């Protein structure tokens, strides 16, 4: 029997019912653009001032995505996620970076919305829904 998830989604619901959460966002969550996916960011703890960013990050906040400008070759295809002021909040996991990277390389804007956040055990976690402009 499927769990009846409701929006807004909690971080623990995303972790326990990931597939159902993705189905929910794909079918019922009205945001501008084409739904691409729902994922947990990587590297949130590694950004500048993570505690301040986490404390001020709003559920529903629209964030941008672009290729990492890191100089190291292995990071060149990483997709960084950042706020309107340019402050980085993390990276897309590799599995999500492939499609988003393809969209960006073809001039299609990709963006995300903060859907949930958590600071369980002192580790900062952020869940985002990923969208792109119509193509």
Protein backbone atom coordinates (compact mmCIF):
# COMPACT_ATOMS: atom_id res chain seq x y z
CA UNK A 1 0.00 0.00 0.00
CA UNK A 2 1.36 3.39 -0.98
CA UNK A 3 1.92 6.11 1.56
CA UNK A 4 -0.18 9.26 1.03
CA UNK A 5 2.47 11.98 0.86
CA UNK A 6 1.40 15.60 1.07
CA UNK A 7 3.12 18.84 0.16
CA UNK A 8 5.17 20.43 1.50
CA UNK A 9 7.34 17.35 1.74
CA UNK A 10 9.42 16.80 4.85
CA UNK A 11 13.06 15.75 4.58
CA UNK A 12 12.33 12.43 6.31
CA UNK A 13 9.47 11.68 3.89
CA UNK A 14 11.79 12.29 0.95
CA UNK A 15 14.36 9.91 2.41
CA UNK A 16 11.83 7.16 3.23
CA UNK A 17 9.52 7.45 0.20
CA UNK A 18 11.81 8.79 -2.54
CA UNK A 19 10.05 7.18 -5.53
CA UNK A 20 6.61 8.27 -4.37
CA UNK A 21 7.91 11.78 -3.69
CA UNK A 22 9.23 12.03 -7.25
CA UNK A 23 5.87 10.85 -8.62
CA UNK A 24 4.08 13.43 -6.48
CA UNK A 25 6.23 16.30 -7.69
CA UNK A 26 6.03 15.18 -11.32
CA UNK A 27 2.24 14.97 -11.30
CA UNK A 28 0.90 17.51 -8.84
CA UNK A 29 3.44 20.17 -7.96
CA UNK A 30 2.78 23.28 -10.03
CA UNK A 31 5.96 25.21 -10.70
CA UNK A 32 7.09 27.12 -13.76
CA UNK A 33 8.94 24.97 -16.26
CA UNK A 34 9.28 21.27 -17.04
CA UNK A 35 9.87 18.94 -14.09
CA UNK A 36 13.20 17.12 -14.38
CA UNK A 37 13.69 15.51 -10.98
CA UNK A 38 13.91 15.66 -7.21
CA UNK A 39 17.24 15.16 -5.50
CA UNK A 40 19.40 15.74 -2.46
CA UNK A 41 22.32 18.10 -3.02
CA UNK A 42 25.89 17.02 -2.39
CA UNK A 43 28.59 19.15 -0.80
CA UNK A 44 26.25 21.38 1.22
CA UNK A 45 28.62 21.16 4.21
CA UNK A 46 31.54 22.25 1.99
CA UNK A 47 30.23 25.65 0.90
CA UNK A 48 31.21 28.97 2.49
CA UNK A 49 29.31 29.65 5.74
CA UNK A 50 27.03 26.58 5.54
CA UNK A 51 25.27 27.32 8.83
CA UNK A 52 24.31 30.86 7.72
CA UNK A 53 23.16 29.66 4.32
CA UNK A 54 21.17 26.84 5.85
CA UNK A 55 19.51 29.14 8.39
CA UNK A 56 18.41 31.65 5.74
CA UNK A 57 17.54 29.18 2.96
CA UNK A 58 13.78 29.25 2.41
CA UNK A 59 11.54 26.38 1.38
CA UNK A 60 10.27 27.30 -2.09
CA UNK A 61 13.30 29.50 -2.83
CA UNK A 62 14.30 29.37 -6.50
CA UNK A 63 17.99 28.63 -7.01
CA UNK A 64 20.14 28.62 -10.12
CA UNK A 65 22.34 25.96 -11.67
CA UNK A 66 25.49 26.22 -13.77
CA UNK A 67 28.62 24.26 -14.54
CA UNK A 68 31.19 24.42 -11.78
CA UNK A 69 33.95 26.92 -12.39
CA UNK A 70 36.37 24.82 -10.35
CA UNK A 71 39.75 24.49 -11.99
CA UNK A 72 40.18 20.77 -11.33
CA UNK A 73 39.44 18.65 -14.39
CA UNK A 74 37.34 16.07 -12.50
CA UNK A 75 34.97 18.84 -11.32
CA UNK A 76 34.46 20.59 -14.67
CA UNK A 77 31.18 18.80 -15.41
CA UNK A 78 29.76 19.20 -11.92
CA UNK A 79 26.61 21.28 -11.69
CA UNK A 80 26.72 23.80 -8.89
CA UNK A 81 23.54 25.08 -7.26
CA UNK A 82 23.51 28.68 -6.06
CA UNK A 83 21.28 31.38 -4.63
CA UNK A 84 20.28 34.64 -6.34
CA UNK A 85 23.20 36.39 -4.61
CA UNK A 86 25.61 33.85 -6.11
CA UNK A 87 26.36 31.99 -2.88
CA UNK A 88 26.83 28.29 -3.56
CA UNK A 89 24.63 25.85 -1.66
CA UNK A 90 25.87 22.56 -3.11
CA UNK A 91 26.13 20.37 -6.20
CA UNK A 92 23.80 18.06 -8.07
CA UNK A 93 24.67 14.37 -7.69
CA UNK A 94 26.39 12.90 -10.73
CA UNK A 95 23.29 10.97 -11.80
CA UNK A 96 21.33 14.23 -12.12
CA UNK A 97 24.23 16.22 -13.58
CA UNK A 98 24.21 14.30 -16.87
CA UNK A 99 20.77 15.46 -18.01
CA UNK A 100 21.06 18.96 -16.54
CA UNK A 101 24.52 19.34 -18.09
CA UNK A 102 23.10 18.36 -21.48
CA UNK A 103 20.34 20.96 -21.11
CA UNK A 104 22.81 23.69 -20.11
CA UNK A 105 25.20 22.85 -22.97
CA UNK A 106 22.29 23.27 -25.37
CA UNK A 107 21.34 26.69 -24.01
CA UNK A 108 18.31 25.52 -22.03
CA UNK A 109 17.95 27.19 -18.65
CA UNK A 110 17.82 24.79 -15.70
CA UNK A 111 16.85 25.85 -12.20
CA UNK A 112 15.63 24.36 -8.94
CA UNK A 113 13.46 25.06 -5.92
CA UNK A 114 14.37 24.25 -2.33
CA UNK A 115 11.81 21.70 -1.16
CA UNK A 116 13.18 20.50 2.19
CA UNK A 117 16.19 20.94 4.43
CA UNK A 118 17.51 19.24 7.51
CA UNK A 119 20.43 19.47 9.93
CA UNK A 120 20.20 15.95 11.35
CA UNK A 121 23.26 14.98 13.42
CA UNK A 122 24.95 18.23 12.48
CA UNK A 123 24.99 17.33 8.77
CA UNK A 124 23.31 19.83 6.50
CA UNK A 125 21.02 18.40 3.83
CA UNK A 126 18.98 20.14 1.14
CA UNK A 127 16.38 18.60 -1.20
CA UNK A 128 15.63 20.44 -4.46
CA UNK A 129 13.18 19.92 -7.30
CA UNK A 130 14.81 20.43 -10.69
CA UNK A 131 13.13 22.16 -13.63
CA UNK A 132 14.06 23.51 -17.02
CA UNK A 133 12.48 25.97 -19.40
CA UNK A 134 10.29 24.47 -22.07
CA UNK A 135 12.31 23.00 -24.92
